[in-house]
Amino acid sequence: MKRNAFTLIELILAVAASAMVMVSLTGSVMVVSGLLQPDEQAAQFAIDRQISDRVSEDLRYSTAIGPLPSGSGFRLTRTEPAGATATLDYKADWTGLTRTVGSAPEITLDTVGVSHQFQIDGVSGASWTPPPVVYPQFRSGSAGATSGSTDKLSVPTPAGVIDGDLILLCFSGRSPYTVELSKKNEWSTLVHTDNNGLLLFVAYRWASSNFKDEIDVKVTPNSRFAVSMAAFSNVRANSPIGSISIYKNTSKSSGLNPLALEPASMNANDLNIQIIAGEGSPWVNGTIGMSSFVDIEQISAPGTLFPSNSIGITLRRGSSASLTPPQMHHSIFFSGYLVQAGIVLQGPL
């Protein structure tokens, strides 16, 4: 039998039960709301987490840690891939927390840095140990050029050089007869050849503890010239030079693109270096432009009408027979001369 009405007692009980359910739901909502972080606290927590992750990564690859010379914070030291030493500073004061790498501008991580509270429990080394390097590697380079006709130029040694590195010095000058380097008895000449007065001179030596901060380059007679130096690690000690090739020609405004000079066969662990001395400023779009080669140094000595001569160094490891013989983009507005040397540095046995 279907009922069409409820008693007063039944209605009161039903309303009471509904009220209890609503009170229970309200309590649940209050509990859940109490577990959520306020917006400001959550934002600060996110910043803390980002900064702690960044500090952890910096510590992971650091070689030393200590206090800042001044102020509140700490300094990390690490070795860059090229071998140079870099410093990284974390500093906190009333303006906030900053991070500075070397001489670069400081970066503000947070404007309330002193409020950060996090702990890094431990720091481990890299989980992957790289295999030993068995081929020559470019460490760093330096360059210099005269501003006019002179008999001497001091060029800084490449940064981060260590004992046992091979230092390659490359010289391009107009009309000098002789080139003399400081501590000349410690240098071995590889190339001394000219093309209608444009001289390419290349020499090498081994870096040692008495290696000077600068190398003096003297010429006779006075001339305009440019010098590039490159430091290489892991070069074979008893026989560093595999082969030397020389090429001379004229560069025209239409663009003469000489080929790379390399032997017919080459060990995969050897380093193929191309050195180009040229008149004018021949590097199109600022690059030597030799396919599959990497530029490491290029500089021009300024002249009156156009740069009087330039020197460039580019390299690659091993040979690439499957590629079309690489050519460089070498051209100047007026006709000019060029001298190119291809030198192979041998890797350790």
Protein backbone atom coordinates (compact mmCIF):
# COMPACT_ATOMS: atom_id res chain seq x y z
CA MET A 1 0.00 0.00 0.00
CA LYS A 2 1.47 3.35 -1.09
CA ARG A 3 1.77 6.09 1.57
CA ASN A 4 0.97 9.69 0.63
CA ALA A 5 1.99 11.34 3.91
CA PHE A 6 4.52 11.15 6.75
CA THR A 7 3.99 11.63 10.43
CA LEU A 8 5.46 14.60 12.25
CA ILE A 9 7.87 12.37 14.13
CA GLU A 10 9.15 10.86 10.86
CA LEU A 11 9.74 14.32 9.39
CA ILE A 12 11.62 15.47 12.50
CA LEU A 13 13.85 12.39 12.41
CA ALA A 14 14.54 12.86 8.68
CA VAL A 15 15.50 16.52 9.13
CA ALA A 16 17.76 15.65 12.05
CA ALA A 17 19.52 12.97 10.01
CA SER A 18 20.04 15.43 7.13
CA ALA A 19 21.51 17.98 9.51
CA MET A 20 23.96 15.43 10.85
CA VAL A 21 25.07 14.60 7.29
CA MET A 22 25.59 18.29 6.50
CA VAL A 23 27.60 18.80 9.68
CA SER A 24 29.79 15.82 8.77
CA LEU A 25 30.39 17.18 5.25
CA THR A 26 31.22 20.60 6.66
CA GLY A 27 33.77 19.05 8.99
CA SER A 28 35.37 17.21 6.09
CA VAL A 29 35.67 20.38 4.08
CA MET A 30 37.21 22.17 7.04
CA VAL A 31 39.74 19.39 7.55
CA VAL A 32 40.75 19.37 3.87
CA SER A 33 41.04 23.16 3.80
CA GLY A 34 43.28 23.02 6.83
CA LEU A 35 45.72 20.69 5.04
CA LEU A 36 46.31 23.09 2.10
CA GLN A 37 49.27 25.55 2.32
CA PRO A 38 48.48 29.24 2.14
CA ASP A 39 49.42 30.72 -1.24
CA GLU A 40 52.35 32.71 0.16
CA GLN A 41 53.80 29.73 2.02
CA ALA A 42 53.43 27.46 -1.01
CA ALA A 43 55.21 29.98 -3.25
CA GLN A 44 58.11 30.26 -0.79
CA PHE A 45 58.34 26.47 -0.57
CA ALA A 46 58.57 26.24 -4.38
CA ILE A 47 61.39 28.80 -4.45
CA ASP A 48 63.22 26.95 -1.66
CA ARG A 49 62.97 23.73 -3.65
CA GLN A 50 64.29 25.34 -6.84
CA ILE A 51 67.23 26.91 -5.02
CA SER A 52 68.10 23.72 -3.14
CA ASP A 53 68.07 21.78 -6.43
CA ARG A 54 70.38 24.37 -8.01
CA VAL A 55 72.80 24.28 -5.07
CA SER A 56 72.81 20.47 -5.18
CA GLU A 57 73.72 20.47 -8.87
CA ASP A 58 76.48 23.04 -8.34
CA LEU A 59 77.92 21.02 -5.45
CA ARG A 60 77.76 17.83 -7.48
CA TYR A 61 80.44 19.01 -9.92
CA SER A 62 82.49 21.23 -7.60
CA THR A 63 86.09 20.47 -6.69
CA ALA A 64 86.28 22.69 -3.58
CA ILE A 65 83.98 24.66 -1.26
CA GLY A 66 84.70 27.40 1.26
CA PRO A 67 83.42 30.68 2.73
CA LEU A 68 83.25 33.87 0.72
CA PRO A 69 86.21 36.25 1.14
CA SER A 70 83.68 38.76 2.50
CA GLY A 71 79.99 38.65 3.30
CA SER A 72 77.67 35.80 4.22
CA GLY A 73 77.69 32.85 1.87
CA PHE A 74 79.98 30.28 0.28
CA ARG A 75 82.16 29.83 -2.80
CA LEU A 76 82.43 26.76 -5.02
CA THR A 77 85.31 25.96 -7.35
CA ARG A 78 84.94 23.74 -10.39
CA THR A 79 86.93 22.84 -13.51
CA GLU A 80 85.42 23.74 -16.88
CA PRO A 81 85.58 21.29 -19.85
CA ALA A 82 88.33 23.43 -21.42
CA GLY A 83 90.43 23.03 -18.27
CA ALA A 84 90.04 26.53 -16.83
CA THR A 85 89.05 26.97 -13.17
CA ALA A 86 85.73 28.72 -12.49
CA THR A 87 84.33 30.10 -9.22
CA LEU A 88 80.67 30.22 -8.24
CA ASP A 89 79.47 32.39 -5.32
CA TYR A 90 76.26 32.23 -3.30
CA LYS A 91 75.78 35.37 -1.20
CA ALA A 92 72.95 36.33 1.17
CA ASP A 93 72.33 39.75 2.70
CA TRP A 94 69.39 42.04 3.45
CA THR A 95 68.72 42.50 -0.28
CA GLY A 96 68.27 38.77 -0.89
CA LEU A 97 70.14 35.73 -2.21
CA THR A 98 72.39 36.00 -5.29
CA ARG A 99 74.40 33.58 -7.43
CA THR A 100 77.49 34.72 -9.39
CA VAL A 101 79.61 32.70 -11.82
CA GLY A 102 83.14 34.09 -12.25
CA SER A 103 83.13 37.69 -13.46
CA ALA A 104 79.60 37.49 -14.90
CA PRO A 105 76.86 39.75 -13.48
CA GLU A 106 75.24 38.42 -10.32
CA ILE A 107 71.80 36.82 -10.61
CA THR A 108 69.19 37.37 -7.88
CA LEU A 109 67.59 34.06 -6.91
CA ASP A 110 65.20 35.53 -4.34
CA THR A 111 64.63 38.91 -2.73
CA VAL A 112 64.12 37.32 0.70
CA GLY A 113 67.09 35.00 0.61
CA VAL A 114 67.76 35.14 4.34
CA SER A 115 64.44 33.36 5.01
CA HIS A 116 65.39 30.21 3.13
CA GLN A 117 65.51 27.05 5.18
CA PHE A 118 66.64 23.87 3.49
CA GLN A 119 69.27 21.26 4.10
CA ILE A 120 71.37 19.27 1.67
CA ASP A 121 72.09 15.96 3.35
CA GLY A 122 75.02 14.93 1.23
CA VAL A 123 76.82 15.43 -2.04
CA SER A 124 77.99 12.61 -4.27
CA GLY A 125 80.29 12.65 -7.25
CA ALA A 126 79.14 12.13 -10.80
CA SER A 127 77.52 8.73 -11.23
CA TRP A 128 79.20 8.28 -14.64
CA THR A 129 82.96 8.02 -14.93
CA PRO A 130 84.14 9.08 -18.40
CA PRO A 131 86.59 6.77 -20.17
CA PRO A 132 90.21 7.93 -20.49
CA VAL A 133 90.81 10.29 -23.40
CA VAL A 134 92.99 8.70 -26.06
CA TYR A 135 93.15 11.53 -28.58
CA PRO A 136 94.45 15.13 -28.58
CA GLN A 137 92.01 17.76 -27.38
CA PHE A 138 91.99 21.53 -27.80
CA ARG A 139 92.26 23.08 -24.33
CA SER A 140 92.23 26.84 -24.96
CA GLY A 141 93.62 29.53 -27.24
CA SER A 142 94.80 33.13 -27.34
CA ALA A 143 95.57 35.68 -30.03
CA GLY A 144 97.06 39.10 -30.63
CA ALA A 145 97.72 41.50 -33.50
CA THR A 146 99.78 44.63 -34.00
CA SER A 147 98.02 47.96 -34.51
CA GLY A 148 100.73 49.15 -36.88
CA SER A 149 104.20 48.31 -38.13
CA THR A 150 106.40 47.21 -35.21
CA ASP A 151 109.13 44.74 -34.28
CA LYS A 152 107.55 43.11 -31.19
CA LEU A 153 104.23 41.79 -29.87
CA SER A 154 103.47 40.09 -26.54
CA VAL A 155 100.73 37.45 -26.71
CA PRO A 156 99.17 35.93 -23.55
CA THR A 157 99.55 32.19 -23.13
CA PRO A 158 96.33 30.16 -23.45
CA ALA A 159 94.33 29.87 -20.22
CA GLY A 160 94.45 26.74 -18.09
CA VAL A 161 97.63 25.32 -19.62
CA ILE A 162 99.20 22.50 -17.58
CA ASP A 163 102.50 20.64 -17.76
CA GLY A 164 102.64 18.34 -20.77
CA ASP A 165 100.32 20.37 -23.01
CA LEU A 166 101.52 21.08 -26.54
CA ILE A 167 101.49 24.79 -27.41
CA LEU A 168 101.13 25.62 -31.11
CA LEU A 169 102.06 29.17 -32.18
CA CYS A 170 100.91 30.41 -35.61
CA PHE A 171 102.16 33.68 -37.16
CA SER A 172 101.01 35.62 -40.23
CA GLY A 173 102.98 38.71 -41.28
CA ARG A 174 103.70 40.90 -44.28
CA SER A 175 107.38 40.97 -45.33
CA PRO A 176 109.24 39.90 -42.15
CA TYR A 177 112.46 37.98 -42.79
CA THR A 178 112.87 36.44 -39.36
CA VAL A 179 110.59 35.54 -36.43
CA GLU A 180 112.06 35.03 -32.95
CA LEU A 181 110.16 33.79 -29.88
CA SER A 182 111.03 34.24 -26.21
CA LYS A 183 112.95 31.19 -24.91
CA LYS A 184 113.56 30.33 -28.55
CA ASN A 185 115.55 27.20 -27.69
CA GLU A 186 112.40 25.59 -26.29
CA TRP A 187 110.46 26.00 -29.56
CA SER A 188 110.58 23.73 -32.61
CA THR A 189 109.80 25.30 -36.00
CA LEU A 190 107.30 23.39 -38.16
CA VAL A 191 106.57 25.88 -40.96
CA HIS A 192 108.46 28.94 -42.25
CA THR A 193 107.25 29.71 -45.76
CA ASP A 194 106.03 32.78 -47.65
CA ASN A 195 103.92 33.61 -50.66
CA ASN A 196 105.02 36.87 -52.32
CA GLY A 197 105.97 38.43 -48.99
CA LEU A 198 103.16 36.94 -46.86
CA LEU A 199 104.87 34.76 -44.25
CA LEU A 200 103.32 31.81 -42.41
CA PHE A 201 105.38 30.71 -39.41
CA VAL A 202 104.34 27.82 -37.13
CA ALA A 203 106.24 26.48 -34.11
CA TYR A 204 105.44 24.33 -31.08
CA ARG A 205 106.76 23.61 -27.60
CA TRP A 206 105.72 21.68 -24.50
CA ALA A 207 104.23 23.55 -21.55
CA SER A 208 106.12 23.28 -18.27
CA SER A 209 106.22 24.90 -14.84
CA ASN A 210 108.51 27.69 -16.14
CA PHE A 211 106.14 28.59 -18.99
CA LYS A 212 105.69 32.38 -19.06
CA ASP A 213 102.37 34.22 -18.87
CA GLU A 214 103.22 35.93 -22.17
CA ILE A 215 105.21 35.00 -25.25
CA ASP A 216 107.22 37.75 -26.93
CA VAL A 217 107.22 37.60 -30.73
CA LYS A 218 109.96 39.65 -32.42
CA VAL A 219 110.33 40.23 -36.16
CA THR A 220 112.92 41.72 -38.50
CA PRO A 221 112.27 44.16 -40.13
CA ASN A 222 109.25 45.91 -38.62
CA SER A 223 105.92 44.73 -40.01
CA ARG A 224 102.23 44.25 -39.31
CA PHE A 225 101.45 40.75 -38.09
CA ALA A 226 98.95 38.58 -36.24
CA VAL A 227 99.62 35.67 -33.88
CA SER A 228 97.39 32.85 -32.60
CA MET A 229 98.30 30.23 -29.99
CA ALA A 230 96.47 27.01 -29.17
CA ALA A 231 97.05 24.55 -26.32
CA PHE A 232 96.37 20.83 -26.78
CA SER A 233 96.27 18.02 -24.24
CA ASN A 234 96.86 14.26 -24.73
CA VAL A 235 99.34 14.67 -27.58
CA ARG A 236 101.84 11.85 -28.14
CA ALA A 237 104.96 12.85 -26.22
CA ASN A 238 107.67 11.11 -28.25
CA SER A 239 106.30 11.90 -31.73
CA PRO A 240 103.64 14.63 -31.65
CA ILE A 241 103.65 15.61 -35.35
CA GLY A 242 102.23 13.11 -37.81
CA SER A 243 102.49 15.06 -41.07
CA ILE A 244 102.77 18.60 -42.49
CA SER A 245 101.37 19.85 -45.81
CA ILE A 246 101.76 23.31 -47.41
CA TYR A 247 99.54 25.08 -49.96
CA LYS A 248 99.97 28.53 -51.57
CA ASN A 249 97.61 30.45 -53.81
CA THR A 250 95.84 33.73 -54.51
CA SER A 251 92.47 34.65 -53.06
CA LYS A 252 90.19 36.68 -55.31
CA SER A 253 87.00 38.61 -54.67
CA SER A 254 85.05 35.91 -56.51
CA GLY A 255 86.05 33.51 -53.76
CA LEU A 256 88.74 30.85 -53.96
CA ASN A 257 87.91 28.06 -51.53
CA PRO A 258 91.00 25.92 -50.88
CA LEU A 259 90.59 22.31 -49.81
CA ALA A 260 91.56 20.88 -46.45
CA LEU A 261 95.11 19.55 -46.43
CA GLU A 262 95.09 16.04 -44.98
CA PRO A 263 96.87 12.76 -45.68
CA ALA A 264 95.17 10.03 -47.69
CA SER A 265 94.75 7.95 -44.53
CA MET A 266 94.63 9.17 -40.96
CA ASN A 267 94.29 7.56 -37.55
CA ALA A 268 90.85 8.15 -36.02
CA ASN A 269 92.50 9.42 -32.81
CA ASP A 270 94.72 12.00 -34.55
CA LEU A 271 93.84 15.68 -34.76
CA ASN A 272 93.77 17.39 -38.16
CA ILE A 273 94.65 21.09 -37.87
CA GLN A 274 94.33 23.61 -40.72
CA ILE A 275 96.23 26.91 -40.37
CA ILE A 276 95.57 29.70 -42.88
CA ALA A 277 97.55 32.92 -43.26
CA GLY A 278 95.90 35.37 -45.62
CA GLU A 279 95.96 38.96 -46.75
CA GLY A 280 92.99 41.08 -45.89
CA SER A 281 90.12 39.83 -43.73
CA PRO A 282 89.03 36.74 -45.66
CA TRP A 283 86.62 35.12 -43.21
CA VAL A 284 83.17 35.32 -44.79
CA ASN A 285 80.46 35.93 -42.15
CA GLY A 286 83.08 35.69 -39.43
CA THR A 287 83.86 32.01 -39.90
CA ILE A 288 86.59 30.06 -41.67
CA GLY A 289 83.70 28.01 -43.00
CA MET A 290 85.39 24.65 -43.57
CA SER A 291 82.77 21.90 -43.48
CA SER A 292 83.11 19.43 -40.55
CA PHE A 293 85.93 21.54 -39.04
CA VAL A 294 85.63 23.68 -35.89
CA ASP A 295 87.12 27.20 -35.72
CA ILE A 296 89.31 27.78 -32.65
CA GLU A 297 91.17 31.02 -33.46
CA GLN A 298 91.05 33.81 -36.06
CA ILE A 299 92.41 37.34 -35.94
CA SER A 300 93.44 40.08 -38.37
CA ALA A 301 96.16 42.72 -38.06
CA PRO A 302 94.65 46.06 -39.12
CA GLY A 303 96.06 48.03 -42.02
CA THR A 304 95.30 51.41 -43.58
CA LEU A 305 92.87 50.47 -46.36
CA PHE A 306 91.92 46.97 -45.18
CA PRO A 307 93.40 44.51 -42.65
CA SER A 308 96.87 43.73 -43.92
CA ASN A 309 96.93 40.05 -42.95
CA SER A 310 95.13 37.46 -40.86
CA ILE A 311 95.65 34.07 -39.22
CA GLY A 312 93.04 31.38 -38.61
CA ILE A 313 93.06 27.88 -37.08
CA THR A 314 90.41 25.20 -37.55
CA LEU A 315 90.44 21.49 -36.72
CA ARG A 316 88.66 18.15 -36.63
CA ARG A 317 89.50 14.69 -35.27
CA GLY A 318 90.29 11.89 -37.69
CA SER A 319 89.42 11.90 -41.38
CA SER A 320 86.01 11.85 -43.02
CA ALA A 321 86.43 10.10 -46.34
CA SER A 322 82.66 9.87 -46.85
CA LEU A 323 82.33 13.66 -46.97
CA THR A 324 83.03 15.82 -49.98
CA PRO A 325 86.55 17.25 -49.47
CA PRO A 326 85.86 20.27 -47.23
CA GLN A 327 86.67 23.74 -48.53
CA MET A 328 86.88 27.03 -46.67
CA HIS A 329 85.18 30.28 -47.64
CA HIS A 330 88.21 32.50 -48.21
CA SER A 331 87.80 35.70 -50.22
CA ILE A 332 88.66 39.40 -50.08
CA PHE A 333 87.59 42.41 -52.13
CA PHE A 334 90.99 42.82 -53.74
CA SER A 335 93.27 40.00 -54.85
CA GLY A 336 95.50 38.74 -52.06
CA TYR A 337 97.81 35.89 -51.18
CA LEU A 338 97.30 33.00 -48.83
CA VAL A 339 99.48 30.30 -47.28
CA GLN A 340 97.88 27.22 -45.77
CA ALA A 341 99.39 24.48 -43.60
CA GLY A 342 97.82 21.16 -42.67
CA ILE A 343 99.35 19.66 -39.50
CA VAL A 344 98.39 16.34 -37.89
CA LEU A 345 98.82 15.98 -34.11
CA GLN A 346 99.13 12.35 -33.09
CA GLY A 347 97.28 10.88 -30.14
CA PRO A 348 98.88 8.71 -27.44
CA LEU A 349 99.76 5.12 -28.32
